[in-house]
Amino acid sequence: MTIQLPTSTSTSATVGTKIVLFDTTTQVTEMKTVDASTLTVGQGVVVSGTTNSDGSLTATSIQVRPARTGAPTGTAPATGQ
């Protein structure tokens, strides 16, 4: 497949197109908006936001990561509540 790279005003950004190769072993996921109440303890997430003066984080975006098959048991330590 060929993807269109985003337009950027940065002098170091790559623009144009990029050929992406994939096969039947490539994991393809679909992002969709879900209610925050669906988040569960131990679920993998990626959080973006602003760090507050007390060290907490005010999230502007939370991406839920798909469950990994064959992943080790246990969870990574949380850094904040």
PDB file of N, CA and C in Angstrom:
ATOM      1  N   MET A   1       0.854  -1.154   0.000  1.00  0.00           N
ATOM      2  CA  MET A   1       0.000   0.000   0.000  1.00  0.00           C
ATOM      3  C   MET A   1       0.903   1.220   0.000  1.00  0.00           C
ATOM      4  N   THR A   2       0.409   2.329  -0.485  1.00  0.00           N
ATOM      5  CA  THR A   2       1.125   3.602  -0.452  1.00  0.00           C
ATOM      6  C   THR A   2       0.320   4.567   0.402  1.00  0.00           C
ATOM      7  N   ILE A   3       0.997   5.226   1.359  1.00  0.00           N
ATOM      8  CA  ILE A   3       0.310   6.188   2.213  1.00  0.00           C
ATOM      9  C   ILE A   3       0.817   7.588   1.916  1.00  0.00           C
ATOM     10  N   GLN A   4      -0.042   8.563   2.120  1.00  0.00           N
ATOM     11  CA  GLN A   4       0.328   9.972   1.961  1.00  0.00           C
ATOM     12  C   GLN A   4       0.822  10.486   3.300  1.00  0.00           C
ATOM     13  N   LEU A   5       2.048  11.003   3.358  1.00  0.00           N
ATOM     14  CA  LEU A   5       2.579  11.556   4.600  1.00  0.00           C
ATOM     15  C   LEU A   5       1.982  12.932   4.833  1.00  0.00           C
ATOM     16  N   PRO A   6       1.861  13.331   6.101  1.00  0.00           N
ATOM     17  CA  PRO A   6       1.249  14.636   6.393  1.00  0.00           C
ATOM     18  C   PRO A   6       2.103  15.790   5.877  1.00  0.00           C
ATOM     19  N   THR A   7       1.447  16.869   5.525  1.00  0.00           N
ATOM     20  CA  THR A   7       2.145  18.087   5.126  1.00  0.00           C
ATOM     21  C   THR A   7       2.678  18.748   6.385  1.00  0.00           C
ATOM     22  N   SER A   8       3.910  19.252   6.331  1.00  0.00           N
ATOM     23  CA  SER A   8       4.508  19.861   7.509  1.00  0.00           C
ATOM     24  C   SER A   8       5.251  21.124   7.119  1.00  0.00           C
ATOM     25  N   THR A   9       5.307  22.078   8.044  1.00  0.00           N
ATOM     26  CA  THR A   9       6.083  23.291   7.822  1.00  0.00           C
ATOM     27  C   THR A   9       7.486  23.159   8.400  1.00  0.00           C
ATOM     28  N   SER A  10       7.755  22.046   9.076  1.00  0.00           N
ATOM     29  CA  SER A  10       9.070  21.802   9.663  1.00  0.00           C
ATOM     30  C   SER A  10      10.080  21.503   8.561  1.00  0.00           C
ATOM     31  N   THR A  11      11.285  22.025   8.693  1.00  0.00           N
ATOM     32  CA  THR A  11      12.306  21.794   7.672  1.00  0.00           C
ATOM     33  C   THR A  11      12.865  20.380   7.726  1.00  0.00           C
ATOM     34  N   SER A  12      12.672  19.680   8.853  1.00  0.00           N
ATOM     35  CA  SER A  12      13.209  18.326   8.978  1.00  0.00           C
ATOM     36  C   SER A  12      12.160  17.244   8.745  1.00  0.00           C
ATOM     37  N   ALA A  13      10.935  17.626   8.476  1.00  0.00           N
ATOM     38  CA  ALA A  13       9.862  16.646   8.309  1.00  0.00           C
ATOM     39  C   ALA A  13       9.936  15.987   6.936  1.00  0.00           C
ATOM     40  N   THR A  14       9.501  14.744   6.880  1.00  0.00           N
ATOM     41  CA  THR A  14       9.412  14.022   5.619  1.00  0.00           C
ATOM     42  C   THR A  14       8.018  14.236   5.054  1.00  0.00           C
ATOM     43  N   VAL A  15       7.942  14.569   3.781  1.00  0.00           N
ATOM     44  CA  VAL A  15       6.653  14.758   3.131  1.00  0.00           C
ATOM     45  C   VAL A  15       6.616  13.904   1.879  1.00  0.00           C
ATOM     46  N   GLY A  16       5.440  13.706   1.343  1.00  0.00           N
ATOM     47  CA  GLY A  16       5.298  12.905   0.136  1.00  0.00           C
ATOM     48  C   GLY A  16       4.540  11.630   0.425  1.00  0.00           C
ATOM     49  N   THR A  17       5.032  10.529  -0.138  1.00  0.00           N
ATOM     50  CA  THR A  17       4.383   9.239   0.053  1.00  0.00           C
ATOM     51  C   THR A  17       5.398   8.228   0.568  1.00  0.00           C
ATOM     52  N   LYS A  18       4.886   7.138   1.110  1.00  0.00           N
ATOM     53  CA  LYS A  18       5.733   6.055   1.623  1.00  0.00           C
ATOM     54  C   LYS A  18       5.079   4.736   1.275  1.00  0.00           C
ATOM     55  N   ILE A  19       5.860   3.819   0.739  1.00  0.00           N
ATOM     56  CA  ILE A  19       5.367   2.471   0.459  1.00  0.00           C
ATOM     57  C   ILE A  19       5.470   1.663   1.744  1.00  0.00           C
ATOM     58  N   VAL A  20       4.375   1.009   2.129  1.00  0.00           N
ATOM     59  CA  VAL A  20       4.325   0.196   3.339  1.00  0.00           C
ATOM     60  C   VAL A  20       4.071  -1.249   2.920  1.00  0.00           C
ATOM     61  N   LEU A  21       4.977  -2.135   3.327  1.00  0.00           N
ATOM     62  CA  LEU A  21       4.842  -3.551   3.017  1.00  0.00           C
ATOM     63  C   LEU A  21       4.240  -4.278   4.205  1.00  0.00           C
ATOM     64  N   PHE A  22       3.331  -5.205   3.961  1.00  0.00           N
ATOM     65  CA  PHE A  22       2.739  -5.997   5.039  1.00  0.00           C
ATOM     66  C   PHE A  22       2.293  -7.335   4.486  1.00  0.00           C
ATOM     67  N   ASP A  23       2.070  -8.286   5.407  1.00  0.00           N
ATOM     68  CA  ASP A  23       1.603  -9.616   5.008  1.00  0.00           C
ATOM     69  C   ASP A  23       0.573 -10.106   6.005  1.00  0.00           C
ATOM     70  N   THR A  24       0.256 -11.374   5.962  1.00  0.00           N
ATOM     71  CA  THR A  24      -0.796 -11.917   6.826  1.00  0.00           C
ATOM     72  C   THR A  24      -0.412 -11.940   8.304  1.00  0.00           C
ATOM     73  N   THR A  25       0.859 -11.755   8.647  1.00  0.00           N
ATOM     74  CA  THR A  25       1.281 -11.740  10.047  1.00  0.00           C
ATOM     75  C   THR A  25       1.246 -10.337  10.651  1.00  0.00           C
ATOM     76  N   THR A  26       0.987  -9.311   9.840  1.00  0.00           N
ATOM     77  CA  THR A  26       0.941  -7.935  10.320  1.00  0.00           C
ATOM     78  C   THR A  26      -0.357  -7.698  11.083  1.00  0.00           C
ATOM     79  N   GLN A  27      -0.240  -7.173  12.297  1.00  0.00           N
ATOM     80  CA  GLN A  27      -1.423  -6.867  13.091  1.00  0.00           C
ATOM     81  C   GLN A  27      -2.018  -5.554  12.602  1.00  0.00           C
ATOM     82  N   VAL A  28      -3.289  -5.561  12.276  1.00  0.00           N
ATOM     83  CA  VAL A  28      -4.006  -4.363  11.846  1.00  0.00           C
ATOM     84  C   VAL A  28      -5.090  -4.090  12.877  1.00  0.00           C
ATOM     85  N   THR A  29      -5.104  -2.888  13.429  1.00  0.00           N
ATOM     86  CA  THR A  29      -6.108  -2.528  14.423  1.00  0.00           C
ATOM     87  C   THR A  29      -6.857  -1.292  13.963  1.00  0.00           C
ATOM     88  N   GLU A  30      -8.036  -1.104  14.505  1.00  0.00           N
ATOM     89  CA  GLU A  30      -8.868   0.045  14.176  1.00  0.00           C
ATOM     90  C   GLU A  30      -9.108   0.845  15.441  1.00  0.00           C
ATOM     91  N   MET A  31      -8.794   2.130  15.388  1.00  0.00           N
ATOM     92  CA  MET A  31      -9.038   2.995  16.536  1.00  0.00           C
ATOM     93  C   MET A  31     -10.456   3.533  16.439  1.00  0.00           C
ATOM     94  N   LYS A  32     -11.142   3.565  17.590  1.00  0.00           N
ATOM     95  CA  LYS A  32     -12.476   4.134  17.644  1.00  0.00           C
ATOM     96  C   LYS A  32     -12.655   4.816  18.986  1.00  0.00           C
ATOM     97  N   THR A  33     -13.536   5.765  19.042  1.00  0.00           N
ATOM     98  CA  THR A  33     -13.820   6.480  20.276  1.00  0.00           C
ATOM     99  C   THR A  33     -14.711   5.617  21.161  1.00  0.00           C
ATOM    100  N   VAL A  34     -14.304   5.492  22.433  1.00  0.00           N
ATOM    101  CA  VAL A  34     -15.099   4.736  23.400  1.00  0.00           C
ATOM    102  C   VAL A  34     -15.286   5.588  24.644  1.00  0.00           C
ATOM    103  N   ASP A  35     -16.259   5.259  25.445  1.00  0.00           N
ATOM    104  CA  ASP A  35     -16.519   5.971  26.681  1.00  0.00           C
ATOM    105  C   ASP A  35     -15.424   5.647  27.700  1.00  0.00           C
ATOM    106  N   ALA A  36     -14.983   6.633  28.452  1.00  0.00           N
ATOM    107  CA  ALA A  36     -13.934   6.434  29.451  1.00  0.00           C
ATOM    108  C   ALA A  36     -14.307   5.390  30.489  1.00  0.00           C
ATOM    109  N   SER A  37     -15.588   5.153  30.688  1.00  0.00           N
ATOM    110  CA  SER A  37     -16.026   4.166  31.681  1.00  0.00           C
ATOM    111  C   SER A  37     -15.658   2.743  31.276  1.00  0.00           C
ATOM    112  N   THR A  38     -15.245   2.533  30.028  1.00  0.00           N
ATOM    113  CA  THR A  38     -14.866   1.192  29.585  1.00  0.00           C
ATOM    114  C   THR A  38     -13.439   0.826  29.979  1.00  0.00           C
ATOM    115  N   LEU A  39     -12.656   1.782  30.481  1.00  0.00           N
ATOM    116  CA  LEU A  39     -11.285   1.492  30.910  1.00  0.00           C
ATOM    117  C   LEU A  39     -11.296   0.591  32.130  1.00  0.00           C
ATOM    118  N   THR A  40     -10.371  -0.380  32.165  1.00  0.00           N
ATOM    119  CA  THR A  40     -10.294  -1.309  33.284  1.00  0.00           C
ATOM    120  C   THR A  40      -8.884  -1.361  33.851  1.00  0.00           C
ATOM    121  N   VAL A  41      -8.761  -1.746  35.094  1.00  0.00           N
ATOM    122  CA  VAL A  41      -7.471  -1.889  35.755  1.00  0.00           C
ATOM    123  C   VAL A  41      -6.644  -2.922  35.005  1.00  0.00           C
ATOM    124  N   GLY A  42      -5.384  -2.603  34.730  1.00  0.00           N
ATOM    125  CA  GLY A  42      -4.474  -3.525  34.061  1.00  0.00           C
ATOM    126  C   GLY A  42      -4.511  -3.444  32.547  1.00  0.00           C
ATOM    127  N   GLN A  43      -5.411  -2.652  32.007  1.00  0.00           N
ATOM    128  CA  GLN A  43      -5.527  -2.514  30.556  1.00  0.00           C
ATOM    129  C   GLN A  43      -4.367  -1.663  30.032  1.00  0.00           C
ATOM    130  N   GLY A  44      -3.809  -2.041  28.889  1.00  0.00           N
ATOM    131  CA  GLY A  44      -2.713  -1.284  28.293  1.00  0.00           C
ATOM    132  C   GLY A  44      -3.221  -0.011  27.637  1.00  0.00           C
ATOM    133  N   VAL A  45      -2.608   1.112  27.976  1.00  0.00           N
ATOM    134  CA  VAL A  45      -2.988   2.389  27.392  1.00  0.00           C
ATOM    135  C   VAL A  45      -1.740   3.220  27.099  1.00  0.00           C
ATOM    136  N   VAL A  46      -1.894   4.178  26.195  1.00  0.00           N
ATOM    137  CA  VAL A  46      -0.896   5.206  25.946  1.00  0.00           C
ATOM    138  C   VAL A  46      -1.595   6.525  26.220  1.00  0.00           C
ATOM    139  N   VAL A  47      -1.007   7.351  27.108  1.00  0.00           N
ATOM    140  CA  VAL A  47      -1.647   8.596  27.527  1.00  0.00           C
ATOM    141  C   VAL A  47      -0.814   9.786  27.080  1.00  0.00           C
ATOM    142  N   SER A  48      -1.479  10.782  26.514  1.00  0.00           N
ATOM    143  CA  SER A  48      -0.856  12.064  26.178  1.00  0.00           C
ATOM    144  C   SER A  48      -1.575  13.135  26.972  1.00  0.00           C
ATOM    145  N   GLY A  49      -0.833  14.149  27.411  1.00  0.00           N
ATOM    146  CA  GLY A  49      -1.469  15.210  28.164  1.00  0.00           C
ATOM    147  C   GLY A  49      -0.468  16.186  28.721  1.00  0.00           C
ATOM    148  N   THR A  50      -0.896  16.920  29.716  1.00  0.00           N
ATOM    149  CA  THR A  50      -0.089  17.956  30.339  1.00  0.00           C
ATOM    150  C   THR A  50       0.254  17.557  31.763  1.00  0.00           C
ATOM    151  N   THR A  51       1.534  17.669  32.106  1.00  0.00           N
ATOM    152  CA  THR A  51       1.966  17.364  33.463  1.00  0.00           C
ATOM    153  C   THR A  51       1.632  18.539  34.369  1.00  0.00           C
ATOM    154  N   ASN A  52       0.999  18.242  35.498  1.00  0.00           N
ATOM    155  CA  ASN A  52       0.628  19.256  36.476  1.00  0.00           C
ATOM    156  C   ASN A  52       1.759  19.471  37.478  1.00  0.00           C
ATOM    157  N   SER A  53       1.696  20.566  38.232  1.00  0.00           N
ATOM    158  CA  SER A  53       2.755  20.904  39.177  1.00  0.00           C
ATOM    159  C   SER A  53       2.943  19.846  40.254  1.00  0.00           C
ATOM    160  N   ASP A  54       1.903  19.065  40.562  1.00  0.00           N
ATOM    161  CA  ASP A  54       2.016  18.025  41.577  1.00  0.00           C
ATOM    162  C   ASP A  54       2.498  16.693  41.009  1.00  0.00           C
ATOM    163  N   GLY A  55       2.835  16.673  39.706  1.00  0.00           N
ATOM    164  CA  GLY A  55       3.324  15.449  39.082  1.00  0.00           C
ATOM    165  C   GLY A  55       2.245  14.613  38.424  1.00  0.00           C
ATOM    166  N   SER A  56       0.974  14.936  38.676  1.00  0.00           N
ATOM    167  CA  SER A  56      -0.108  14.205  38.016  1.00  0.00           C
ATOM    168  C   SER A  56      -0.185  14.625  36.555  1.00  0.00           C
ATOM    169  N   LEU A  57      -1.003  13.939  35.788  1.00  0.00           N
ATOM    170  CA  LEU A  57      -1.133  14.211  34.358  1.00  0.00           C
ATOM    171  C   LEU A  57      -2.591  14.456  34.021  1.00  0.00           C
ATOM    172  N   THR A  58      -2.874  15.555  33.345  1.00  0.00           N
ATOM    173  CA  THR A  58      -4.213  15.805  32.826  1.00  0.00           C
ATOM    174  C   THR A  58      -4.225  15.306  31.390  1.00  0.00           C
ATOM    175  N   ALA A  59      -4.955  14.222  31.160  1.00  0.00           N
ATOM    176  CA  ALA A  59      -4.955  13.568  29.851  1.00  0.00           C
ATOM    177  C   ALA A  59      -5.751  14.364  28.836  1.00  0.00           C
ATOM    178  N   THR A  60      -5.181  14.467  27.634  1.00  0.00           N
ATOM    179  CA  THR A  60      -5.912  15.022  26.500  1.00  0.00           C
ATOM    180  C   THR A  60      -6.270  13.907  25.527  1.00  0.00           C
ATOM    181  N   SER A  61      -5.572  12.767  25.644  1.00  0.00           N
ATOM    182  CA  SER A  61      -5.824  11.620  24.775  1.00  0.00           C
ATOM    183  C   SER A  61      -5.400  10.350  25.495  1.00  0.00           C
ATOM    184  N   ILE A  62      -6.237   9.330  25.441  1.00  0.00           N
ATOM    185  CA  ILE A  62      -5.905   8.005  25.968  1.00  0.00           C
ATOM    186  C   ILE A  62      -6.171   7.009  24.863  1.00  0.00           C
ATOM    187  N   GLN A  63      -5.131   6.289  24.449  1.00  0.00           N
ATOM    188  CA  GLN A  63      -5.277   5.259  23.424  1.00  0.00           C
ATOM    189  C   GLN A  63      -5.238   3.898  24.094  1.00  0.00           C
ATOM    190  N   VAL A  64      -6.289   3.124  23.901  1.00  0.00           N
ATOM    191  CA  VAL A  64      -6.353   1.774  24.452  1.00  0.00           C
ATOM    192  C   VAL A  64      -5.582   0.863  23.509  1.00  0.00           C
ATOM    193  N   ARG A  65      -4.649   0.118  24.069  1.00  0.00           N
ATOM    194  CA  ARG A  65      -3.834  -0.798  23.271  1.00  0.00           C
ATOM    195  C   ARG A  65      -4.521  -2.149  23.212  1.00  0.00           C
ATOM    196  N   PRO A  66      -4.454  -2.807  22.066  1.00  0.00           N
ATOM    197  CA  PRO A  66      -5.080  -4.129  21.963  1.00  0.00           C
ATOM    198  C   PRO A  66      -4.386  -5.125  22.879  1.00  0.00           C
ATOM    199  N   ALA A  67      -5.152  -6.077  23.383  1.00  0.00           N
ATOM    200  CA  ALA A  67      -4.581  -7.128  24.224  1.00  0.00           C
ATOM    201  C   ALA A  67      -3.577  -7.914  23.407  1.00  0.00           C
ATOM    202  N   ARG A  68      -2.454  -8.245  24.008  1.00  0.00           N
ATOM    203  CA  ARG A  68      -1.419  -9.002  23.319  1.00  0.00           C
ATOM    204  C   ARG A  68      -1.582 -10.476  23.632  1.00  0.00           C
ATOM    205  N   THR A  69      -1.596 -11.274  22.601  1.00  0.00           N
ATOM    206  CA  THR A  69      -1.663 -12.718  22.813  1.00  0.00           C
ATOM    207  C   THR A  69      -0.264 -13.229  23.084  1.00  0.00           C
ATOM    208  N   GLY A  70      -0.144 -14.117  24.019  1.00  0.00           N
ATOM    209  CA  GLY A  70       1.156 -14.663  24.358  1.00  0.00           C
ATOM    210  C   GLY A  70       2.004 -13.724  25.187  1.00  0.00           C
ATOM    211  N   ALA A  71       1.418 -12.655  25.698  1.00  0.00           N
ATOM    212  CA  ALA A  71       2.167 -11.697  26.506  1.00  0.00           C
ATOM    213  C   ALA A  71       2.437 -12.288  27.879  1.00  0.00           C
ATOM    214  N   PRO A  72       3.523 -11.877  28.516  1.00  0.00           N
ATOM    215  CA  PRO A  72       3.805 -12.357  29.872  1.00  0.00           C
ATOM    216  C   PRO A  72       2.685 -11.949  30.816  1.00  0.00           C
ATOM    217  N   THR A  73       2.475 -12.732  31.861  1.00  0.00           N
ATOM    218  CA  THR A  73       1.449 -12.391  32.836  1.00  0.00           C
ATOM    219  C   THR A  73       1.943 -11.277  33.727  1.00  0.00           C
ATOM    220  N   GLY A  74       1.020 -10.582  34.353  1.00  0.00           N
ATOM    221  CA  GLY A  74       1.381  -9.459  35.222  1.00  0.00           C
ATOM    222  C   GLY A  74       1.177  -8.139  34.488  1.00  0.00           C
ATOM    223  N   THR A  75       1.347  -7.050  35.216  1.00  0.00           N
ATOM    224  CA  THR A  75       1.174  -5.739  34.617  1.00  0.00           C
ATOM    225  C   THR A  75       2.365  -4.870  34.948  1.00  0.00           C
ATOM    226  N   ALA A  76       2.587  -3.889  34.099  1.00  0.00           N
ATOM    227  CA  ALA A  76       3.651  -2.922  34.353  1.00  0.00           C
ATOM    228  C   ALA A  76       3.204  -1.986  35.457  1.00  0.00           C
ATOM    229  N   PRO A  77       4.143  -1.477  36.248  1.00  0.00           N
ATOM    230  CA  PRO A  77       3.755  -0.560  37.318  1.00  0.00           C
ATOM    231  C   PRO A  77       3.151   0.720  36.760  1.00  0.00           C
ATOM    232  N   ALA A  78       2.110   1.210  37.412  1.00  0.00           N
ATOM    233  CA  ALA A  78       1.461   2.442  36.988  1.00  0.00           C
ATOM    234  C   ALA A  78       2.261   3.627  37.492  1.00  0.00           C
ATOM    235  N   THR A  79       2.257   4.705  36.726  1.00  0.00           N
ATOM    236  CA  THR A  79       2.937   5.937  37.157  1.00  0.00           C
ATOM    237  C   THR A  79       1.905   7.037  37.251  1.00  0.00           C
ATOM    238  N   GLY A  80       1.115   7.012  38.271  1.00  0.00           N
ATOM    239  CA  GLY A  80       0.093   8.045  38.477  1.00  0.00           C
ATOM    240  C   GLY A  80      -1.283   7.412  38.565  1.00  0.00           C
ATOM    241  N   GLN A  81      -2.200   8.144  39.083  1.00  0.00           N
ATOM    242  CA  GLN A  81      -3.567   7.671  39.245  1.00  0.00           C
ATOM    243  C   GLN A  81      -4.521   8.546  38.484  1.00  0.00           C
TER     244      GLN A  81
END
